[in-house]
Amino acid sequence: MSKISRPINRVVTAAPPKRKFDIDSLLTPEKKRELQKQAEDKVLAREIAAAEEEYLQQQMDLVDRGRHPEIVEEYRDISLDLPPFMDRIILDGRTFMHGGRYSVVKRVFDVIREITWGAFKHDDEVNNRRNGNAYRNERELRMSAQTGNIVDNTGRPAVKF
């Protein structure tokens, strides 16, 4: 027979009820003003400490970029021009609107350009436009009756790639 040393379900004991105080009857107006001043001082001190920490981190990043330029991500500006069926690109929760100008890191810049290129390519294919896809034009290859060679529509020998 096995013995269970702990309960199968965790037993959560309720916290004792919180006592309610009549603040107005227990504290004088002078004491309330003093406590309000202490609260303001503590909040201000907390904000100052957070601002100092943020500024210190910014300065460390600046020094780090100066000493190790190979780890700094390059920023690029992009003006978003999208095909008519798109009005925005949402990437990692950030929205980039058609016609907007943005400063983004290079990897985001590359992804936006790839999405834009693919969207224009899709628009060209849907609307049967071939001007942007010249590499996809049919070559109209045929076999020359005179020489037996395969030639394109201009009569030149076809080139294999």
C-alpha atoms as a PDB file:
ATOM      1  CA  MET A   1       0.000   0.000   0.000  1.00  0.00           C
ATOM      2  CA  SER A   2       1.462   3.381  -1.015  1.00  0.00           C
ATOM      3  CA  LYS A   3       1.114   6.451   1.026  1.00  0.00           C
ATOM      4  CA  ILE A   4       0.548   9.889  -0.446  1.00  0.00           C
ATOM      5  CA  SER A   5       2.704  12.437   1.272  1.00  0.00           C
ATOM      6  CA  ARG A   6       1.081  15.449  -0.324  1.00  0.00           C
ATOM      7  CA  PRO A   7      -2.447  16.262  -1.427  1.00  0.00           C
ATOM      8  CA  ILE A   8      -3.323  15.505  -5.045  1.00  0.00           C
ATOM      9  CA  ASN A   9      -4.833  18.935  -5.524  1.00  0.00           C
ATOM     10  CA  ARG A  10      -3.089  21.891  -4.059  1.00  0.00           C
ATOM     11  CA  VAL A  11      -5.065  23.346  -1.230  1.00  0.00           C
ATOM     12  CA  VAL A  12      -5.156  27.094  -1.387  1.00  0.00           C
ATOM     13  CA  THR A  13      -5.907  28.763   1.869  1.00  0.00           C
ATOM     14  CA  ALA A  14      -7.742  32.022   1.632  1.00  0.00           C
ATOM     15  CA  ALA A  15      -5.920  35.093   2.805  1.00  0.00           C
ATOM     16  CA  PRO A  16      -7.313  36.599   5.966  1.00  0.00           C
ATOM     17  CA  PRO A  17      -9.728  39.417   5.253  1.00  0.00           C
ATOM     18  CA  LYS A  18      -8.191  42.844   5.108  1.00  0.00           C
ATOM     19  CA  ARG A  19      -9.050  45.182   7.930  1.00  0.00           C
ATOM     20  CA  LYS A  20     -10.814  48.390   6.992  1.00  0.00           C
ATOM     21  CA  PHE A  21      -9.803  51.594   8.692  1.00  0.00           C
ATOM     22  CA  ASP A  22     -11.684  54.840   8.978  1.00  0.00           C
ATOM     23  CA  ILE A  23      -8.854  57.017   7.684  1.00  0.00           C
ATOM     24  CA  ASP A  24     -10.704  60.288   8.219  1.00  0.00           C
ATOM     25  CA  SER A  25     -11.236  59.648  11.908  1.00  0.00           C
ATOM     26  CA  LEU A  26      -7.756  58.190  12.559  1.00  0.00           C
ATOM     27  CA  LEU A  27      -5.588  60.730  10.701  1.00  0.00           C
ATOM     28  CA  THR A  28      -5.505  64.457  11.193  1.00  0.00           C
ATOM     29  CA  PRO A  29      -5.467  66.774   8.162  1.00  0.00           C
ATOM     30  CA  GLU A  30      -1.841  67.707   8.946  1.00  0.00           C
ATOM     31  CA  LYS A  31      -0.802  64.035   8.998  1.00  0.00           C
ATOM     32  CA  LYS A  32      -2.646  63.444   5.679  1.00  0.00           C
ATOM     33  CA  ARG A  33      -0.770  66.355   4.052  1.00  0.00           C
ATOM     34  CA  GLU A  34       2.509  64.986   5.410  1.00  0.00           C
ATOM     35  CA  LEU A  35       1.757  61.512   3.985  1.00  0.00           C
ATOM     36  CA  GLN A  36       0.754  63.043   0.628  1.00  0.00           C
ATOM     37  CA  LYS A  37       4.115  64.844   0.547  1.00  0.00           C
ATOM     38  CA  GLN A  38       5.918  61.568   1.354  1.00  0.00           C
ATOM     39  CA  ALA A  39       4.002  59.806  -1.457  1.00  0.00           C
ATOM     40  CA  GLU A  40       4.953  62.547  -3.935  1.00  0.00           C
ATOM     41  CA  ASP A  41       8.599  62.348  -2.848  1.00  0.00           C
ATOM     42  CA  LYS A  42       8.675  58.550  -3.196  1.00  0.00           C
ATOM     43  CA  VAL A  43       7.064  58.628  -6.655  1.00  0.00           C
ATOM     44  CA  LEU A  44       9.469  61.363  -7.766  1.00  0.00           C
ATOM     45  CA  ALA A  45      12.446  59.395  -6.438  1.00  0.00           C
ATOM     46  CA  ARG A  46      11.227  56.269  -8.271  1.00  0.00           C
ATOM     47  CA  GLU A  47      10.850  58.243 -11.528  1.00  0.00           C
ATOM     48  CA  ILE A  48      14.299  59.808 -11.112  1.00  0.00           C
ATOM     49  CA  ALA A  49      15.846  56.368 -10.524  1.00  0.00           C
ATOM     50  CA  ALA A  50      14.092  54.972 -13.639  1.00  0.00           C
ATOM     51  CA  ALA A  51      15.231  57.979 -15.724  1.00  0.00           C
ATOM     52  CA  GLU A  52      18.814  57.564 -14.483  1.00  0.00           C
ATOM     53  CA  GLU A  53      18.759  53.869 -15.364  1.00  0.00           C
ATOM     54  CA  GLU A  54      17.367  54.596 -18.848  1.00  0.00           C
ATOM     55  CA  TYR A  55      19.930  57.325 -19.483  1.00  0.00           C
ATOM     56  CA  LEU A  56      22.730  55.039 -18.286  1.00  0.00           C
ATOM     57  CA  GLN A  57      21.548  52.315 -20.690  1.00  0.00           C
ATOM     58  CA  GLN A  58      21.444  54.817 -23.580  1.00  0.00           C
ATOM     59  CA  GLN A  59      24.979  55.952 -22.819  1.00  0.00           C
ATOM     60  CA  MET A  60      26.206  52.357 -22.563  1.00  0.00           C
ATOM     61  CA  ASP A  61      24.625  51.594 -25.953  1.00  0.00           C
ATOM     62  CA  LEU A  62      26.296  54.686 -27.442  1.00  0.00           C
ATOM     63  CA  VAL A  63      29.719  53.686 -26.094  1.00  0.00           C
ATOM     64  CA  ASP A  64      29.151  50.091 -27.215  1.00  0.00           C
ATOM     65  CA  ARG A  65      28.302  51.247 -30.763  1.00  0.00           C
ATOM     66  CA  GLY A  66      31.453  53.365 -30.850  1.00  0.00           C
ATOM     67  CA  ARG A  67      33.692  50.546 -29.666  1.00  0.00           C
ATOM     68  CA  HIS A  68      32.021  47.741 -31.655  1.00  0.00           C
ATOM     69  CA  PRO A  69      30.569  49.160 -34.895  1.00  0.00           C
ATOM     70  CA  GLU A  70      30.164  45.660 -36.343  1.00  0.00           C
ATOM     71  CA  ILE A  71      27.192  44.945 -34.051  1.00  0.00           C
ATOM     72  CA  VAL A  72      25.275  48.130 -34.862  1.00  0.00           C
ATOM     73  CA  GLU A  73      22.259  47.655 -37.088  1.00  0.00           C
ATOM     74  CA  GLU A  74      22.076  49.999 -40.032  1.00  0.00           C
ATOM     75  CA  TYR A  75      18.963  52.173 -40.392  1.00  0.00           C
ATOM     76  CA  ARG A  76      17.416  52.998 -43.752  1.00  0.00           C
ATOM     77  CA  ASP A  77      14.636  55.336 -44.834  1.00  0.00           C
ATOM     78  CA  ILE A  78      11.830  53.943 -46.948  1.00  0.00           C
ATOM     79  CA  SER A  79       8.889  55.608 -48.656  1.00  0.00           C
ATOM     80  CA  LEU A  80       6.178  53.008 -49.036  1.00  0.00           C
ATOM     81  CA  ASP A  81       4.636  52.728 -52.501  1.00  0.00           C
ATOM     82  CA  LEU A  82       2.192  49.822 -52.724  1.00  0.00           C
ATOM     83  CA  PRO A  83       0.011  48.473 -55.543  1.00  0.00           C
ATOM     84  CA  PRO A  84      -3.640  49.593 -55.689  1.00  0.00           C
ATOM     85  CA  PHE A  85      -5.034  46.555 -53.843  1.00  0.00           C
ATOM     86  CA  MET A  86      -2.879  47.162 -50.733  1.00  0.00           C
ATOM     87  CA  ASP A  87      -3.021  50.017 -48.284  1.00  0.00           C
ATOM     88  CA  ARG A  88      -0.689  48.720 -45.565  1.00  0.00           C
ATOM     89  CA  ILE A  89       1.883  46.175 -44.506  1.00  0.00           C
ATOM     90  CA  ILE A  90       1.723  44.863 -40.953  1.00  0.00           C
ATOM     91  CA  LEU A  91       5.059  43.472 -39.852  1.00  0.00           C
ATOM     92  CA  ASP A  92       5.739  42.285 -36.291  1.00  0.00           C
ATOM     93  CA  GLY A  93       2.687  44.208 -35.105  1.00  0.00           C
ATOM     94  CA  ARG A  94       3.903  47.486 -36.631  1.00  0.00           C
ATOM     95  CA  THR A  95       1.764  49.003 -39.402  1.00  0.00           C
ATOM     96  CA  PHE A  96       3.391  50.606 -42.439  1.00  0.00           C
ATOM     97  CA  MET A  97       0.870  52.620 -44.485  1.00  0.00           C
ATOM     98  CA  HIS A  98       0.966  53.336 -48.229  1.00  0.00           C
ATOM     99  CA  GLY A  99       2.655  56.678 -48.895  1.00  0.00           C
ATOM    100  CA  GLY A 100       4.302  56.818 -45.474  1.00  0.00           C
ATOM    101  CA  ARG A 101       7.983  57.487 -44.854  1.00  0.00           C
ATOM    102  CA  TYR A 102       9.678  55.299 -42.264  1.00  0.00           C
ATOM    103  CA  SER A 103      13.140  54.837 -40.805  1.00  0.00           C
ATOM    104  CA  VAL A 104      13.701  51.136 -40.144  1.00  0.00           C
ATOM    105  CA  VAL A 105      16.582  48.744 -39.546  1.00  0.00           C
ATOM    106  CA  LYS A 106      18.039  47.142 -42.669  1.00  0.00           C
ATOM    107  CA  ARG A 107      16.489  43.707 -42.093  1.00  0.00           C
ATOM    108  CA  VAL A 108      12.994  45.246 -41.860  1.00  0.00           C
ATOM    109  CA  PHE A 109      13.784  47.389 -44.909  1.00  0.00           C
ATOM    110  CA  ASP A 110      14.697  44.253 -46.882  1.00  0.00           C
ATOM    111  CA  VAL A 111      11.500  42.450 -45.854  1.00  0.00           C
ATOM    112  CA  ILE A 112       9.314  45.446 -46.782  1.00  0.00           C
ATOM    113  CA  ARG A 113      10.991  45.691 -50.192  1.00  0.00           C
ATOM    114  CA  GLU A 114      10.469  41.967 -50.769  1.00  0.00           C
ATOM    115  CA  ILE A 115       6.788  42.188 -49.789  1.00  0.00           C
ATOM    116  CA  THR A 116       6.308  45.234 -52.036  1.00  0.00           C
ATOM    117  CA  TRP A 117       8.034  43.549 -54.970  1.00  0.00           C
ATOM    118  CA  GLY A 118       5.919  40.413 -54.522  1.00  0.00           C
ATOM    119  CA  ALA A 119       2.736  42.497 -54.335  1.00  0.00           C
ATOM    120  CA  PHE A 120       3.550  44.331 -57.578  1.00  0.00           C
ATOM    121  CA  LYS A 121       4.461  41.021 -59.226  1.00  0.00           C
ATOM    122  CA  HIS A 122       1.121  39.581 -58.117  1.00  0.00           C
ATOM    123  CA  ASP A 123      -0.697  42.669 -59.431  1.00  0.00           C
ATOM    124  CA  ASP A 124       1.050  42.317 -62.810  1.00  0.00           C
ATOM    125  CA  GLU A 125       0.151  38.632 -63.053  1.00  0.00           C
ATOM    126  CA  VAL A 126      -3.481  39.185 -62.078  1.00  0.00           C
ATOM    127  CA  ASN A 127      -3.893  42.047 -64.566  1.00  0.00           C
ATOM    128  CA  ASN A 128      -2.023  40.224 -67.383  1.00  0.00           C
ATOM    129  CA  ARG A 129       0.747  42.800 -67.596  1.00  0.00           C
ATOM    130  CA  ARG A 130       4.074  41.467 -68.772  1.00  0.00           C
ATOM    131  CA  ASN A 131       6.197  44.603 -68.882  1.00  0.00           C
ATOM    132  CA  GLY A 132       7.611  43.923 -65.422  1.00  0.00           C
ATOM    133  CA  ASN A 133       8.167  40.236 -66.122  1.00  0.00           C
ATOM    134  CA  ALA A 134      10.111  40.260 -69.384  1.00  0.00           C
ATOM    135  CA  TYR A 135      12.091  37.211 -68.314  1.00  0.00           C
ATOM    136  CA  ARG A 136       8.859  35.212 -68.417  1.00  0.00           C
ATOM    137  CA  ASN A 137       7.968  36.041 -72.039  1.00  0.00           C
ATOM    138  CA  GLU A 138       7.543  32.998 -74.197  1.00  0.00           C
ATOM    139  CA  ARG A 139      10.482  32.474 -76.474  1.00  0.00           C
ATOM    140  CA  GLU A 140       8.466  30.861 -79.277  1.00  0.00           C
ATOM    141  CA  LEU A 141      11.163  28.309 -80.004  1.00  0.00           C
ATOM    142  CA  ARG A 142      10.988  26.308 -83.222  1.00  0.00           C
ATOM    143  CA  MET A 143      13.212  24.038 -85.191  1.00  0.00           C
ATOM    144  CA  SER A 144      14.742  25.487 -88.323  1.00  0.00           C
ATOM    145  CA  ALA A 145      13.947  23.346 -91.368  1.00  0.00           C
ATOM    146  CA  GLN A 146      17.176  24.425 -93.086  1.00  0.00           C
ATOM    147  CA  THR A 147      19.704  23.745 -90.344  1.00  0.00           C
ATOM    148  CA  GLY A 148      17.788  21.572 -87.887  1.00  0.00           C
ATOM    149  CA  ASN A 149      18.812  23.900 -85.039  1.00  0.00           C
ATOM    150  CA  ILE A 150      16.378  25.249 -82.492  1.00  0.00           C
ATOM    151  CA  VAL A 151      15.875  29.001 -83.042  1.00  0.00           C
ATOM    152  CA  ASP A 152      13.798  31.685 -81.338  1.00  0.00           C
ATOM    153  CA  ASN A 153      11.260  34.009 -83.001  1.00  0.00           C
ATOM    154  CA  THR A 154      14.062  36.246 -84.374  1.00  0.00           C
ATOM    155  CA  GLY A 155      15.798  33.347 -86.144  1.00  0.00           C
ATOM    156  CA  ARG A 156      18.779  33.329 -83.777  1.00  0.00           C
ATOM    157  CA  PRO A 157      19.926  30.073 -82.198  1.00  0.00           C
ATOM    158  CA  ALA A 158      18.277  29.469 -78.838  1.00  0.00           C
ATOM    159  CA  VAL A 159      20.591  29.831 -75.862  1.00  0.00           C
ATOM    160  CA  LYS A 160      20.298  27.448 -72.952  1.00  0.00           C
ATOM    161  CA  PHE A 161      20.809  28.848 -69.481  1.00  0.00           C
END
